[in-house]
Protein backbone atom coordinates (compact mmCIF):
# COMPACT_ATOMS: atom_id res chain seq x y z
CA UNK A 1 105.61 83.26 42.96
CA UNK A 2 105.94 85.84 40.01
CA UNK A 3 102.52 86.31 37.71
CA UNK A 4 105.18 86.43 34.88
CA UNK A 5 106.28 84.28 31.95
CA UNK A 6 108.86 82.74 32.96
CA UNK A 7 111.85 82.56 31.56
CA UNK A 8 115.27 80.64 31.72
CA UNK A 9 117.87 82.24 31.25
CA UNK A 10 122.20 82.78 31.61
CA UNK A 11 123.43 84.81 34.01
CA UNK A 12 125.95 87.08 32.06
CA UNK A 13 127.74 88.72 34.87
CA UNK A 14 128.44 88.97 38.78
CA UNK A 15 131.08 90.46 41.15
CA UNK A 16 132.29 89.34 44.44
CA UNK A 17 133.90 91.38 47.71
CA UNK A 18 135.12 89.44 51.14
CA UNK A 19 134.96 90.88 54.60
CA UNK A 20 137.07 90.11 57.37
CA UNK A 21 134.07 89.25 59.40
CA UNK A 22 132.35 86.72 57.30
CA UNK A 23 132.04 86.51 53.35
CA UNK A 24 129.66 88.82 51.24
CA UNK A 25 129.63 87.56 47.56
CA UNK A 26 128.06 90.76 45.15
CA UNK A 27 126.11 89.32 41.92
CA UNK A 28 127.25 85.59 42.62
CA UNK A 29 127.57 83.81 38.90
CA UNK A 30 125.34 81.11 38.70
CA UNK A 31 124.29 78.68 36.03
CA UNK A 32 120.33 78.96 34.90
CA UNK A 33 117.21 80.79 36.85
CA UNK A 34 114.15 80.59 36.26
CA UNK A 35 112.17 84.20 36.21
CA UNK A 36 114.17 86.85 34.00
CA UNK A 37 113.83 89.66 36.56
CA UNK A 38 114.77 87.88 39.62
CA UNK A 39 118.03 88.39 41.09
CA UNK A 40 120.19 87.81 43.52
CA UNK A 41 121.96 91.07 44.41
CA UNK A 42 124.71 89.48 47.48
CA UNK A 43 124.93 86.96 49.76
CA UNK A 44 126.54 87.40 52.70
CA UNK A 45 127.75 84.17 54.82
CA UNK A 46 128.54 84.30 58.61
CA UNK A 47 128.98 82.02 61.53
CA UNK A 48 125.08 82.66 62.63
CA UNK A 49 123.00 82.70 58.86
CA UNK A 50 123.32 83.16 55.35
CA UNK A 51 121.18 86.28 53.95
CA UNK A 52 120.29 86.07 50.18
CA UNK A 53 119.62 89.90 49.30
CA UNK A 54 117.19 89.87 46.12
CA UNK A 55 115.55 91.74 43.54
CA UNK A 56 112.91 91.31 41.44
CA UNK A 57 111.37 93.89 39.02
CA UNK A 58 107.85 94.07 37.44
CA UNK A 59 106.94 93.66 34.02
CA UNK A 60 103.48 93.31 34.03
CA UNK A 61 100.35 95.40 34.75
CA UNK A 62 99.09 94.52 37.83
CA UNK A 63 101.67 92.17 39.01
CA UNK A 64 102.37 90.59 42.07
CA UNK A 65 105.28 88.58 44.23
CA UNK A 66 105.14 86.24 47.42
CA UNK A 67 107.84 84.31 48.79
CA UNK A 68 106.64 80.28 50.11
CA UNK A 69 107.34 79.53 52.72
CA UNK A 70 109.08 76.36 51.47
CA UNK A 71 111.83 77.63 49.98
CA UNK A 72 115.71 75.52 50.40
CA UNK A 73 119.08 76.14 49.87
CA UNK A 74 119.94 72.66 48.20
CA UNK A 75 123.50 71.24 48.87
CA UNK A 76 125.83 69.11 46.31
CA UNK A 77 124.48 66.06 48.12
CA UNK A 78 121.19 66.71 47.72
CA UNK A 79 120.09 67.65 51.26
CA UNK A 80 118.28 70.50 52.31
CA UNK A 81 118.27 73.50 54.16
CA UNK A 82 114.49 75.62 54.79
CA UNK A 83 114.05 78.99 54.96
CA UNK A 84 114.49 80.55 58.41
CA UNK A 85 112.63 84.32 57.92
CA UNK A 86 112.44 86.92 55.46
CA UNK A 87 112.58 90.37 55.26
CA UNK A 88 110.34 92.85 53.53
CA UNK A 89 108.58 90.55 51.44
CA UNK A 90 105.16 89.12 51.99
CA UNK A 91 104.59 85.31 52.40
CA UNK A 92 102.49 83.67 50.22
CA UNK A 93 99.52 83.53 49.84
CA UNK A 94 99.75 87.29 50.87
CA UNK A 95 101.21 89.31 48.03
CA UNK A 96 102.90 92.45 46.92
CA UNK A 97 101.19 93.95 44.63
CA UNK A 98 103.45 96.66 41.96
CA UNK A 99 101.63 99.71 41.27
CA UNK A 100 103.64 99.96 38.06
CA UNK A 101 105.49 98.20 35.15
CA UNK A 102 109.17 98.75 36.04
CA UNK A 103 108.89 98.98 39.71
CA UNK A 104 111.47 96.75 41.88
CA UNK A 105 110.81 94.86 44.92
CA UNK A 106 114.04 94.00 46.98
CA UNK A 107 113.62 91.81 49.84
CA UNK A 108 115.54 89.16 51.92
CA UNK A 109 115.64 85.19 52.71
CA UNK A 110 118.00 83.68 55.42
CA UNK A 111 118.48 80.58 56.43
CA UNK A 112 120.40 78.82 58.89
CA UNK A 113 124.47 78.96 58.37
CA UNK A 114 126.14 77.04 55.57
CA UNK A 115 127.66 74.18 55.63
CA UNK A 116 131.83 75.09 56.28
CA UNK A 117 133.33 74.27 52.88
CA UNK A 118 130.42 74.95 50.96
CA UNK A 119 131.33 76.01 47.20
CA UNK A 120 128.28 76.39 45.53
CA UNK A 121 124.44 75.38 45.97
CA UNK A 122 120.77 76.01 44.27
CA UNK A 123 118.30 77.89 45.61
CA UNK A 124 114.68 76.73 45.23
CA UNK A 125 110.86 77.55 45.98
CA UNK A 126 108.37 74.76 46.34
CA UNK A 127 104.70 76.15 45.29
CA UNK A 128 102.25 75.62 43.53
CA UNK A 129 102.98 77.48 40.17
CA UNK A 130 105.66 79.72 39.14
CA UNK A 131 108.15 78.97 41.53
CA UNK A 132 111.58 80.50 41.31
CA UNK A 133 115.14 78.27 41.28
CA UNK A 134 118.59 79.06 40.96
CA UNK A 135 120.80 76.30 40.39
CA UNK A 136 124.65 76.22 40.35
CA UNK A 137 125.15 79.63 42.63
CA UNK A 138 129.13 79.77 42.96
CA UNK A 139 130.38 80.97 46.48
CA UNK A 140 134.53 80.39 45.54
CA UNK A 141 134.89 83.89 45.55
CA UNK A 142 138.08 83.26 43.49
CA UNK A 143 136.08 81.41 40.93
CA UNK A 144 133.41 84.04 40.87
CA UNK A 145 136.28 86.24 40.16
CA UNK A 146 137.63 84.40 37.41
CA UNK A 147 134.47 83.66 35.82
CA UNK A 148 133.76 87.84 35.60
CA UNK A 149 136.86 88.56 34.11
CA UNK A 150 136.00 86.10 31.23
CA UNK A 151 132.48 87.34 31.30
CA UNK A 152 134.11 90.74 30.64
CA UNK A 153 135.82 89.95 27.19
CA UNK A 154 132.85 88.52 26.07
CA UNK A 155 131.33 91.81 26.57
CA UNK A 156 133.99 93.91 24.93
CA UNK A 157 133.50 92.05 21.87
CA UNK A 158 136.47 89.98 22.54
CA UNK A 159 134.76 86.42 22.21
CA UNK A 160 137.79 84.49 21.30
CA UNK A 161 139.30 85.61 24.23
CA UNK A 162 136.46 85.13 26.48
CA UNK A 163 136.49 81.65 25.40
CA UNK A 164 139.65 80.70 25.97
CA UNK A 165 139.65 81.67 29.69
CA UNK A 166 136.38 79.67 30.27
CA UNK A 167 138.10 76.79 28.94
CA UNK A 168 141.39 77.04 31.21
CA UNK A 169 138.94 77.62 33.71
CA UNK A 170 136.56 74.43 33.05
CA UNK A 171 140.08 72.19 32.87
CA UNK A 172 141.42 73.35 35.81
CA UNK A 173 137.91 72.84 37.80
CA UNK A 174 136.56 70.08 35.73
CA UNK A 175 137.39 67.88 38.75
CA UNK A 176 135.58 69.52 41.26
CA UNK A 177 132.63 69.19 40.19
CA UNK A 178 131.26 72.35 40.54
CA UNK A 179 127.51 74.14 40.36
CA UNK A 180 129.54 76.63 38.06
CA UNK A 181 130.55 73.65 35.44
CA UNK A 182 127.35 73.96 33.46
CA UNK A 183 127.50 77.72 33.77
CA UNK A 184 131.54 77.56 31.51
CA UNK A 185 130.14 75.11 29.19
CA UNK A 186 127.18 76.90 28.24
CA UNK A 187 129.70 80.24 27.97
CA UNK A 188 131.41 78.06 25.74
CA UNK A 189 129.09 75.77 23.46
CA UNK A 190 127.28 79.17 23.30
CA UNK A 191 130.06 81.81 22.39
CA UNK A 192 131.32 79.46 19.37
CA UNK A 193 127.82 79.25 17.75
CA UNK A 194 127.71 83.68 17.64
CA UNK A 195 130.64 83.44 15.95
CA UNK A 196 129.59 80.86 13.68
CA UNK A 197 132.35 78.42 14.62
CA UNK A 198 130.17 75.00 14.68
CA UNK A 199 132.56 72.60 15.23
CA UNK A 200 133.48 74.00 18.38
CA UNK A 201 130.09 74.05 19.38
CA UNK A 202 129.30 70.78 18.75
CA UNK A 203 132.59 69.41 20.32
CA UNK A 204 132.33 71.29 23.69
CA UNK A 205 128.46 70.16 23.49
CA UNK A 206 129.25 66.77 23.39
CA UNK A 207 132.15 66.76 26.35
CA UNK A 208 128.98 68.54 27.98
CA UNK A 209 127.51 65.58 27.43
CA UNK A 210 129.73 63.22 29.28
CA UNK A 211 130.97 65.52 31.98
CA UNK A 212 128.42 64.45 34.14
CA UNK A 213 127.92 67.86 35.56
CA UNK A 214 125.19 68.41 38.24
CA UNK A 215 121.70 68.82 36.50
CA UNK A 216 123.23 68.48 33.26
CA UNK A 217 119.50 67.43 31.71
CA UNK A 218 118.33 71.38 32.95
CA UNK A 219 121.00 72.77 30.88
CA UNK A 220 120.49 70.55 27.74
CA UNK A 221 117.03 71.63 27.50
CA UNK A 222 117.78 75.17 27.80
CA UNK A 223 120.36 74.71 24.88
CA UNK A 224 117.20 73.20 22.80
CA UNK A 225 115.17 75.66 23.59
CA UNK A 226 118.32 78.33 22.07
CA UNK A 227 118.22 76.21 19.32
CA UNK A 228 121.74 74.43 20.21
CA UNK A 229 121.19 70.55 19.84
CA UNK A 230 124.21 68.51 18.53
């Protein structure tokens, strides 16, 4: 639990890296998260366990942080895998007390091994207040690379190229019903709005409505908070 104002945000970039002994995804793409300064730095997948290396930055005077024991990986079919252990972070109700604004805490969450062939997951904390969540975490390294490339065009001020790439990705992966699907729709809609192309934004908003993408109700709530609704 993080005693800060909760802000739902969209991740704008991520990178990946693979190893021979397992899979390491650095800053994986995800669709939405609950806390603005909470980040997934790395996901290490081995035959024995999966480790989430994470970081949170304090933004308020007197802020504190802890991890509830009820943290779960949520698979696409809704089944759960519970947190096995954690490192460098207190378990609630014990807390880490931040000494200053801007201070960062790095920690690790450790879970049982992932199911073979898992391409995406959600990460959720169940607690009494300010619980954190990450939706649609992409574990497919090739897909992460393609999404990163699309975001790089947006960051370089080339929204048309970024949008075209997002559209190409979603057209090629839509049948897989991935957690990243919502991130792609959100990116296309937001890019269209940012350049004043309302008709394209509306078209993809309506396509998103009909897509059957996982947890789509969360993403439409996010778009409404951004003032986007058709």
